[in-house]
Protein backbone atom coordinates (compact mmCIF):
# COMPACT_ATOMS: atom_id res chain seq x y z
CA UNK A 1 0.00 0.00 0.00
CA UNK A 2 2.99 2.32 0.45
CA UNK A 3 3.57 2.40 -3.31
CA UNK A 4 -0.06 3.20 -4.00
CA UNK A 5 0.06 6.13 -1.62
CA UNK A 6 3.23 7.44 -3.25
CA UNK A 7 1.73 7.28 -6.74
CA UNK A 8 -1.52 8.77 -5.49
CA UNK A 9 0.26 11.79 -4.04
CA UNK A 10 2.44 12.10 -7.14
CA UNK A 11 -0.63 12.25 -9.35
CA UNK A 12 -2.35 14.76 -7.09
CA UNK A 13 0.72 17.01 -6.93
CA UNK A 14 1.44 16.70 -10.64
CA UNK A 15 -2.13 17.62 -11.51
CA UNK A 16 -2.43 20.31 -8.86
CA UNK A 17 -2.18 23.10 -11.41
CA UNK A 18 -5.07 21.52 -13.30
CA UNK A 19 -7.09 21.28 -10.07
CA UNK A 20 -7.71 17.61 -10.81
CA UNK A 21 -7.38 15.00 -8.13
CA UNK A 22 -8.26 11.34 -8.24
CA UNK A 23 -9.53 9.32 -5.33
CA UNK A 24 -7.89 6.04 -4.41
CA UNK A 25 -10.99 4.21 -5.66
CA UNK A 26 -10.67 5.97 -9.04
CA UNK A 27 -7.03 4.96 -9.29
CA UNK A 28 -7.69 1.32 -8.44
CA UNK A 29 -10.63 1.16 -10.84
CA UNK A 30 -9.01 2.97 -13.74
CA UNK A 31 -5.60 1.29 -13.51
CA UNK A 32 -6.19 -2.25 -12.18
CA UNK A 33 -3.21 -3.98 -13.86
CA UNK A 34 -0.76 -1.45 -12.47
CA UNK A 35 -2.11 -1.44 -8.93
CA UNK A 36 -2.75 -5.18 -8.76
CA UNK A 37 0.87 -5.76 -9.73
CA UNK A 38 2.04 -3.43 -6.95
CA UNK A 39 -0.34 -4.93 -4.40
CA UNK A 40 1.00 -8.40 -5.27
CA UNK A 41 4.52 -7.15 -4.65
CA UNK A 42 5.62 -7.09 -8.28
CA UNK A 43 8.42 -4.66 -9.03
CA UNK A 44 7.50 -2.85 -12.21
CA UNK A 45 10.51 -2.15 -14.40
CA UNK A 46 9.23 -0.53 -17.55
CA UNK A 47 12.05 0.45 -19.88
CA UNK A 48 9.27 1.43 -22.27
CA UNK A 49 5.99 2.30 -20.54
CA UNK A 50 4.16 2.02 -23.87
CA UNK A 51 4.85 -1.71 -24.24
CA UNK A 52 4.76 -2.91 -20.62
CA UNK A 53 1.47 -4.69 -19.79
CA UNK A 54 1.46 -3.31 -16.24
CA UNK A 55 1.73 0.30 -17.38
CA UNK A 56 -0.36 0.29 -20.56
CA UNK A 57 -3.44 1.65 -18.78
CA UNK A 58 -1.59 4.84 -17.84
CA UNK A 59 -0.46 5.77 -21.36
CA UNK A 60 -3.12 8.28 -22.40
CA UNK A 61 -3.91 9.79 -19.01
CA UNK A 62 -0.43 10.08 -17.55
CA UNK A 63 2.56 9.03 -19.66
CA UNK A 64 1.78 10.94 -22.85
CA UNK A 65 0.75 14.23 -21.21
CA UNK A 66 3.80 14.21 -18.92
CA UNK A 67 6.18 12.67 -21.47
CA UNK A 68 7.05 9.69 -19.29
CA UNK A 69 9.02 7.10 -21.23
CA UNK A 70 10.11 4.65 -18.52
CA UNK A 71 9.65 3.96 -14.82
CA UNK A 72 10.71 1.77 -11.95
CA UNK A 73 8.16 1.07 -9.22
PDB file of N, CA and C in Angstrom:
ATOM      1  N   UNK A   1       0.822  -1.198   0.000  1.00  0.00           N
ATOM      2  CA  UNK A   1       0.000   0.000   0.000  1.00  0.00           C
ATOM      3  C   UNK A   1       0.866   1.263   0.000  1.00  0.00           C
ATOM      4  N   UNK A   2       2.112   1.158   0.443  1.00  0.00           N
ATOM      5  CA  UNK A   2       2.995   2.319   0.452  1.00  0.00           C
ATOM      6  C   UNK A   2       3.174   2.858  -0.963  1.00  0.00           C
ATOM      7  N   UNK A   3       3.357   1.968  -1.932  1.00  0.00           N
ATOM      8  CA  UNK A   3       3.568   2.400  -3.313  1.00  0.00           C
ATOM      9  C   UNK A   3       2.336   3.100  -3.870  1.00  0.00           C
ATOM     10  N   UNK A   4       1.170   2.592  -3.523  1.00  0.00           N
ATOM     11  CA  UNK A   4      -0.064   3.203  -3.999  1.00  0.00           C
ATOM     12  C   UNK A   4      -0.174   4.624  -3.475  1.00  0.00           C
ATOM     13  N   UNK A   5       0.129   4.804  -2.214  1.00  0.00           N
ATOM     14  CA  UNK A   5       0.058   6.134  -1.622  1.00  0.00           C
ATOM     15  C   UNK A   5       1.040   7.076  -2.298  1.00  0.00           C
ATOM     16  N   UNK A   6       2.231   6.597  -2.602  1.00  0.00           N
ATOM     17  CA  UNK A   6       3.227   7.440  -3.250  1.00  0.00           C
ATOM     18  C   UNK A   6       2.737   7.867  -4.629  1.00  0.00           C
ATOM     19  N   UNK A   7       2.231   6.932  -5.421  1.00  0.00           N
ATOM     20  CA  UNK A   7       1.735   7.280  -6.744  1.00  0.00           C
ATOM     21  C   UNK A   7       0.532   8.208  -6.631  1.00  0.00           C
ATOM     22  N   UNK A   8      -0.346   7.934  -5.690  1.00  0.00           N
ATOM     23  CA  UNK A   8      -1.522   8.772  -5.494  1.00  0.00           C
ATOM     24  C   UNK A   8      -1.110  10.214  -5.250  1.00  0.00           C
ATOM     25  N   UNK A   9      -0.173  10.424  -4.344  1.00  0.00           N
ATOM     26  CA  UNK A   9       0.256  11.787  -4.045  1.00  0.00           C
ATOM     27  C   UNK A   9       1.026  12.396  -5.205  1.00  0.00           C
ATOM     28  N   UNK A  10       1.751  11.602  -5.955  1.00  0.00           N
ATOM     29  CA  UNK A  10       2.442  12.104  -7.142  1.00  0.00           C
ATOM     30  C   UNK A  10       1.441  12.604  -8.165  1.00  0.00           C
ATOM     31  N   UNK A  11       0.388  11.842  -8.395  1.00  0.00           N
ATOM     32  CA  UNK A  11      -0.629  12.248  -9.354  1.00  0.00           C
ATOM     33  C   UNK A  11      -1.334  13.510  -8.876  1.00  0.00           C
ATOM     34  N   UNK A  12      -1.676  13.576  -7.621  1.00  0.00           N
ATOM     35  CA  UNK A  12      -2.348  14.760  -7.085  1.00  0.00           C
ATOM     36  C   UNK A  12      -1.445  15.975  -7.226  1.00  0.00           C
ATOM     37  N   UNK A  13      -0.182  15.862  -6.854  1.00  0.00           N
ATOM     38  CA  UNK A  13       0.722  17.005  -6.932  1.00  0.00           C
ATOM     39  C   UNK A  13       0.996  17.396  -8.380  1.00  0.00           C
ATOM     40  N   UNK A  14       1.168  16.419  -9.245  1.00  0.00           N
ATOM     41  CA  UNK A  14       1.436  16.700 -10.644  1.00  0.00           C
ATOM     42  C   UNK A  14       0.261  17.424 -11.283  1.00  0.00           C
ATOM     43  N   UNK A  15      -0.934  17.026 -10.923  1.00  0.00           N
ATOM     44  CA  UNK A  15      -2.127  17.619 -11.512  1.00  0.00           C
ATOM     45  C   UNK A  15      -2.664  18.807 -10.722  1.00  0.00           C
ATOM     46  N   UNK A  16      -1.942  19.242  -9.717  1.00  0.00           N
ATOM     47  CA  UNK A  16      -2.430  20.308  -8.857  1.00  0.00           C
ATOM     48  C   UNK A  16      -2.753  21.560  -9.659  1.00  0.00           C
ATOM     49  N   UNK A  17      -1.925  21.887 -10.632  1.00  0.00           N
ATOM     50  CA  UNK A  17      -2.180  23.101 -11.413  1.00  0.00           C
ATOM     51  C   UNK A  17      -3.447  22.971 -12.250  1.00  0.00           C
ATOM     52  N   UNK A  18      -3.844  21.746 -12.554  1.00  0.00           N
ATOM     53  CA  UNK A  18      -5.073  21.516 -13.302  1.00  0.00           C
ATOM     54  C   UNK A  18      -6.278  21.368 -12.378  1.00  0.00           C
ATOM     55  N   UNK A  19      -6.045  21.447 -11.078  1.00  0.00           N
ATOM     56  CA  UNK A  19      -7.091  21.283 -10.067  1.00  0.00           C
ATOM     57  C   UNK A  19      -7.830  19.957 -10.242  1.00  0.00           C
ATOM     58  N   UNK A  20      -7.103  18.920 -10.626  1.00  0.00           N
ATOM     59  CA  UNK A  20      -7.708  17.605 -10.809  1.00  0.00           C
ATOM     60  C   UNK A  20      -7.059  16.637  -9.831  1.00  0.00           C
ATOM     61  N   UNK A  21      -7.877  16.030  -9.012  1.00  0.00           N
ATOM     62  CA  UNK A  21      -7.377  14.995  -8.125  1.00  0.00           C
ATOM     63  C   UNK A  21      -8.196  13.740  -8.350  1.00  0.00           C
ATOM     64  N   UNK A  22      -7.587  12.622  -8.067  1.00  0.00           N
ATOM     65  CA  UNK A  22      -8.260  11.344  -8.245  1.00  0.00           C
ATOM     66  C   UNK A  22      -8.314  10.646  -6.894  1.00  0.00           C
ATOM     67  N   UNK A  23      -9.437  10.062  -6.576  1.00  0.00           N
ATOM     68  CA  UNK A  23      -9.534   9.322  -5.330  1.00  0.00           C
ATOM     69  C   UNK A  23      -8.821   7.985  -5.486  1.00  0.00           C
ATOM     70  N   UNK A  24      -8.535   7.352  -4.376  1.00  0.00           N
ATOM     71  CA  UNK A  24      -7.892   6.040  -4.409  1.00  0.00           C
ATOM     72  C   UNK A  24      -8.773   5.037  -5.144  1.00  0.00           C
ATOM     73  N   UNK A  25     -10.075   5.121  -4.976  1.00  0.00           N
ATOM     74  CA  UNK A  25     -10.990   4.212  -5.664  1.00  0.00           C
ATOM     75  C   UNK A  25     -10.889   4.423  -7.177  1.00  0.00           C
ATOM     76  N   UNK A  26     -10.831   5.678  -7.614  1.00  0.00           N
ATOM     77  CA  UNK A  26     -10.673   5.966  -9.039  1.00  0.00           C
ATOM     78  C   UNK A  26      -9.394   5.345  -9.573  1.00  0.00           C
ATOM     79  N   UNK A  27      -8.313   5.502  -8.841  1.00  0.00           N
ATOM     80  CA  UNK A  27      -7.034   4.963  -9.288  1.00  0.00           C
ATOM     81  C   UNK A  27      -7.078   3.446  -9.413  1.00  0.00           C
ATOM     82  N   UNK A  28      -7.627   2.779  -8.412  1.00  0.00           N
ATOM     83  CA  UNK A  28      -7.694   1.315  -8.438  1.00  0.00           C
ATOM     84  C   UNK A  28      -8.620   0.810  -9.531  1.00  0.00           C
ATOM     85  N   UNK A  29      -9.674   1.543  -9.811  1.00  0.00           N
ATOM     86  CA  UNK A  29     -10.635   1.161 -10.841  1.00  0.00           C
ATOM     87  C   UNK A  29     -10.102   1.431 -12.237  1.00  0.00           C
ATOM     88  N   UNK A  30      -9.478   2.574 -12.413  1.00  0.00           N
ATOM     89  CA  UNK A  30      -9.007   2.973 -13.735  1.00  0.00           C
ATOM     90  C   UNK A  30      -7.708   2.286 -14.158  1.00  0.00           C
ATOM     91  N   UNK A  31      -6.903   1.866 -13.210  1.00  0.00           N
ATOM     92  CA  UNK A  31      -5.597   1.286 -13.514  1.00  0.00           C
ATOM     93  C   UNK A  31      -5.386  -0.041 -12.772  1.00  0.00           C
ATOM     94  N   UNK A  32      -6.269  -1.018 -12.962  1.00  0.00           N
ATOM     95  CA  UNK A  32      -6.195  -2.251 -12.180  1.00  0.00           C
ATOM     96  C   UNK A  32      -4.922  -3.071 -12.403  1.00  0.00           C
ATOM     97  N   UNK A  33      -4.411  -3.159 -13.611  1.00  0.00           N
ATOM     98  CA  UNK A  33      -3.209  -3.975 -13.855  1.00  0.00           C
ATOM     99  C   UNK A  33      -2.020  -3.408 -13.089  1.00  0.00           C
ATOM    100  N   UNK A  34      -1.873  -2.106 -13.143  1.00  0.00           N
ATOM    101  CA  UNK A  34      -0.757  -1.450 -12.465  1.00  0.00           C
ATOM    102  C   UNK A  34      -0.836  -1.654 -10.948  1.00  0.00           C
ATOM    103  N   UNK A  35      -1.986  -1.344 -10.375  1.00  0.00           N
ATOM    104  CA  UNK A  35      -2.109  -1.438  -8.925  1.00  0.00           C
ATOM    105  C   UNK A  35      -2.161  -2.874  -8.423  1.00  0.00           C
ATOM    106  N   UNK A  36      -2.761  -3.771  -9.172  1.00  0.00           N
ATOM    107  CA  UNK A  36      -2.754  -5.179  -8.757  1.00  0.00           C
ATOM    108  C   UNK A  36      -1.333  -5.718  -8.748  1.00  0.00           C
ATOM    109  N   UNK A  37      -0.529  -5.332  -9.721  1.00  0.00           N
ATOM    110  CA  UNK A  37       0.871  -5.756  -9.729  1.00  0.00           C
ATOM    111  C   UNK A  37       1.591  -5.246  -8.480  1.00  0.00           C
ATOM    112  N   UNK A  38       1.391  -3.985  -8.145  1.00  0.00           N
ATOM    113  CA  UNK A  38       2.039  -3.427  -6.950  1.00  0.00           C
ATOM    114  C   UNK A  38       1.540  -4.090  -5.674  1.00  0.00           C
ATOM    115  N   UNK A  39       0.243  -4.301  -5.589  1.00  0.00           N
ATOM    116  CA  UNK A  39      -0.338  -4.933  -4.399  1.00  0.00           C
ATOM    117  C   UNK A  39       0.215  -6.346  -4.221  1.00  0.00           C
ATOM    118  N   UNK A  40       0.455  -7.042  -5.329  1.00  0.00           N
ATOM    119  CA  UNK A  40       1.002  -8.401  -5.275  1.00  0.00           C
ATOM    120  C   UNK A  40       2.511  -8.415  -5.032  1.00  0.00           C
ATOM    121  N   UNK A  41       3.101  -7.247  -4.938  1.00  0.00           N
ATOM    122  CA  UNK A  41       4.522  -7.154  -4.648  1.00  0.00           C
ATOM    123  C   UNK A  41       5.413  -7.233  -5.867  1.00  0.00           C
ATOM    124  N   UNK A  42       4.840  -7.065  -7.045  1.00  0.00           N
ATOM    125  CA  UNK A  42       5.618  -7.091  -8.281  1.00  0.00           C
ATOM    126  C   UNK A  42       6.368  -5.777  -8.431  1.00  0.00           C
ATOM    127  N   UNK A  43       7.649  -5.855  -8.695  1.00  0.00           N
ATOM    128  CA  UNK A  43       8.415  -4.663  -9.030  1.00  0.00           C
ATOM    129  C   UNK A  43       8.203  -4.388 -10.508  1.00  0.00           C
ATOM    130  N   UNK A  44       7.767  -3.194 -10.819  1.00  0.00           N
ATOM    131  CA  UNK A  44       7.496  -2.852 -12.208  1.00  0.00           C
ATOM    132  C   UNK A  44       8.694  -2.101 -12.769  1.00  0.00           C
ATOM    133  N   UNK A  45       9.394  -2.769 -13.680  1.00  0.00           N
ATOM    134  CA  UNK A  45      10.510  -2.146 -14.396  1.00  0.00           C
ATOM    135  C   UNK A  45      10.052  -1.992 -15.838  1.00  0.00           C
ATOM    136  N   UNK A  46       9.733  -0.789 -16.205  1.00  0.00           N
ATOM    137  CA  UNK A  46       9.235  -0.529 -17.547  1.00  0.00           C
ATOM    138  C   UNK A  46      10.244   0.345 -18.286  1.00  0.00           C
ATOM    139  N   UNK A  47      11.108  -0.298 -19.054  1.00  0.00           N
ATOM    140  CA  UNK A  47      12.053   0.454 -19.879  1.00  0.00           C
ATOM    141  C   UNK A  47      11.294   1.282 -20.911  1.00  0.00           C
ATOM    142  N   UNK A  48      10.151   0.742 -21.325  1.00  0.00           N
ATOM    143  CA  UNK A  48       9.270   1.427 -22.271  1.00  0.00           C
ATOM    144  C   UNK A  48       7.846   1.293 -21.736  1.00  0.00           C
ATOM    145  N   UNK A  49       7.317   2.358 -21.157  1.00  0.00           N
ATOM    146  CA  UNK A  49       5.988   2.295 -20.538  1.00  0.00           C
ATOM    147  C   UNK A  49       4.884   2.001 -21.548  1.00  0.00           C
ATOM    148  N   UNK A  50       5.170   2.233 -22.835  1.00  0.00           N
ATOM    149  CA  UNK A  50       4.160   2.024 -23.868  1.00  0.00           C
ATOM    150  C   UNK A  50       3.997   0.557 -24.247  1.00  0.00           C
ATOM    151  N   UNK A  51       4.941  -0.290 -23.891  1.00  0.00           N
ATOM    152  CA  UNK A  51       4.850  -1.712 -24.236  1.00  0.00           C
ATOM    153  C   UNK A  51       4.714  -2.626 -23.023  1.00  0.00           C
ATOM    154  N   UNK A  52       4.860  -2.090 -21.826  1.00  0.00           N
ATOM    155  CA  UNK A  52       4.760  -2.911 -20.618  1.00  0.00           C
ATOM    156  C   UNK A  52       3.296  -3.143 -20.266  1.00  0.00           C
ATOM    157  N   UNK A  53       2.882  -4.413 -20.088  1.00  0.00           N
ATOM    158  CA  UNK A  53       1.468  -4.690 -19.794  1.00  0.00           C
ATOM    159  C   UNK A  53       0.980  -4.096 -18.470  1.00  0.00           C
ATOM    160  N   UNK A  54       1.873  -3.881 -17.530  1.00  0.00           N
ATOM    161  CA  UNK A  54       1.461  -3.310 -16.244  1.00  0.00           C
ATOM    162  C   UNK A  54       1.306  -1.792 -16.282  1.00  0.00           C
ATOM    163  N   UNK A  55       1.814  -1.163 -17.309  1.00  0.00           N
ATOM    164  CA  UNK A  55       1.727   0.298 -17.380  1.00  0.00           C
ATOM    165  C   UNK A  55       0.866   0.799 -18.540  1.00  0.00           C
ATOM    166  N   UNK A  56       0.394  -0.090 -19.366  1.00  0.00           N
ATOM    167  CA  UNK A  56      -0.360   0.294 -20.564  1.00  0.00           C
ATOM    168  C   UNK A  56      -1.587   1.151 -20.255  1.00  0.00           C
ATOM    169  N   UNK A  57      -2.225   0.907 -19.129  1.00  0.00           N
ATOM    170  CA  UNK A  57      -3.445   1.653 -18.777  1.00  0.00           C
ATOM    171  C   UNK A  57      -3.172   3.137 -18.496  1.00  0.00           C
ATOM    172  N   UNK A  58      -1.950   3.469 -18.204  1.00  0.00           N
ATOM    173  CA  UNK A  58      -1.592   4.840 -17.839  1.00  0.00           C
ATOM    174  C   UNK A  58      -1.102   5.676 -19.030  1.00  0.00           C
ATOM    175  N   UNK A  59      -1.050   5.090 -20.215  1.00  0.00           N
ATOM    176  CA  UNK A  59      -0.460   5.772 -21.364  1.00  0.00           C
ATOM    177  C   UNK A  59      -1.142   7.099 -21.677  1.00  0.00           C
ATOM    178  N   UNK A  60      -2.422   7.065 -21.949  1.00  0.00           N
ATOM    179  CA  UNK A  60      -3.125   8.278 -22.401  1.00  0.00           C
ATOM    180  C   UNK A  60      -3.306   9.316 -21.296  1.00  0.00           C
ATOM    181  N   UNK A  61      -3.583   8.841 -20.088  1.00  0.00           N
ATOM    182  CA  UNK A  61      -3.910   9.786 -19.013  1.00  0.00           C
ATOM    183  C   UNK A  61      -2.693  10.344 -18.284  1.00  0.00           C
ATOM    184  N   UNK A  62      -1.562   9.647 -18.355  1.00  0.00           N
ATOM    185  CA  UNK A  62      -0.425  10.084 -17.552  1.00  0.00           C
ATOM    186  C   UNK A  62       0.887  10.147 -18.340  1.00  0.00           C
ATOM    187  N   UNK A  63       1.245   9.073 -19.016  1.00  0.00           N
ATOM    188  CA  UNK A  63       2.556   9.031 -19.657  1.00  0.00           C
ATOM    189  C   UNK A  63       2.688   9.987 -20.840  1.00  0.00           C
ATOM    190  N   UNK A  64       1.700  10.021 -21.711  1.00  0.00           N
ATOM    191  CA  UNK A  64       1.783  10.936 -22.855  1.00  0.00           C
ATOM    192  C   UNK A  64       1.752  12.405 -22.425  1.00  0.00           C
ATOM    193  N   UNK A  65       0.786  12.811 -21.589  1.00  0.00           N
ATOM    194  CA  UNK A  65       0.747  14.230 -21.214  1.00  0.00           C
ATOM    195  C   UNK A  65       2.014  14.705 -20.484  1.00  0.00           C
ATOM    196  N   UNK A  66       2.635  13.817 -19.702  1.00  0.00           N
ATOM    197  CA  UNK A  66       3.801  14.208 -18.917  1.00  0.00           C
ATOM    198  C   UNK A  66       5.107  13.676 -19.500  1.00  0.00           C
ATOM    199  N   UNK A  67       5.020  13.141 -20.710  1.00  0.00           N
ATOM    200  CA  UNK A  67       6.177  12.670 -21.473  1.00  0.00           C
ATOM    201  C   UNK A  67       7.035  11.666 -20.707  1.00  0.00           C
ATOM    202  N   UNK A  68       6.363  10.756 -20.012  1.00  0.00           N
ATOM    203  CA  UNK A  68       7.051   9.691 -19.293  1.00  0.00           C
ATOM    204  C   UNK A  68       7.363   8.583 -20.287  1.00  0.00           C
ATOM    205  N   UNK A  69       8.598   8.142 -20.298  1.00  0.00           N
ATOM    206  CA  UNK A  69       9.015   7.095 -21.232  1.00  0.00           C
ATOM    207  C   UNK A  69       9.318   5.777 -20.526  1.00  0.00           C
ATOM    208  N   UNK A  70       9.777   5.848 -19.267  1.00  0.00           N
ATOM    209  CA  UNK A  70      10.114   4.646 -18.520  1.00  0.00           C
ATOM    210  C   UNK A  70       9.878   4.909 -17.035  1.00  0.00           C
ATOM    211  N   UNK A  71       9.806   3.815 -16.268  1.00  0.00           N
ATOM    212  CA  UNK A  71       9.650   3.964 -14.816  1.00  0.00           C
ATOM    213  C   UNK A  71      10.103   2.720 -14.100  1.00  0.00           C
ATOM    214  N   UNK A  72      10.357   2.875 -12.820  1.00  0.00           N
ATOM    215  CA  UNK A  72      10.713   1.768 -11.951  1.00  0.00           C
ATOM    216  C   UNK A  72       9.923   1.939 -10.668  1.00  0.00           C
ATOM    217  N   UNK A  73       8.989   1.040 -10.438  1.00  0.00           N
ATOM    218  CA  UNK A  73       8.162   1.066  -9.223  1.00  0.00           C
ATOM    219  C   UNK A  73       8.251  -0.267  -8.520  1.00  0.00           C
TER     220      UNK A  73
END
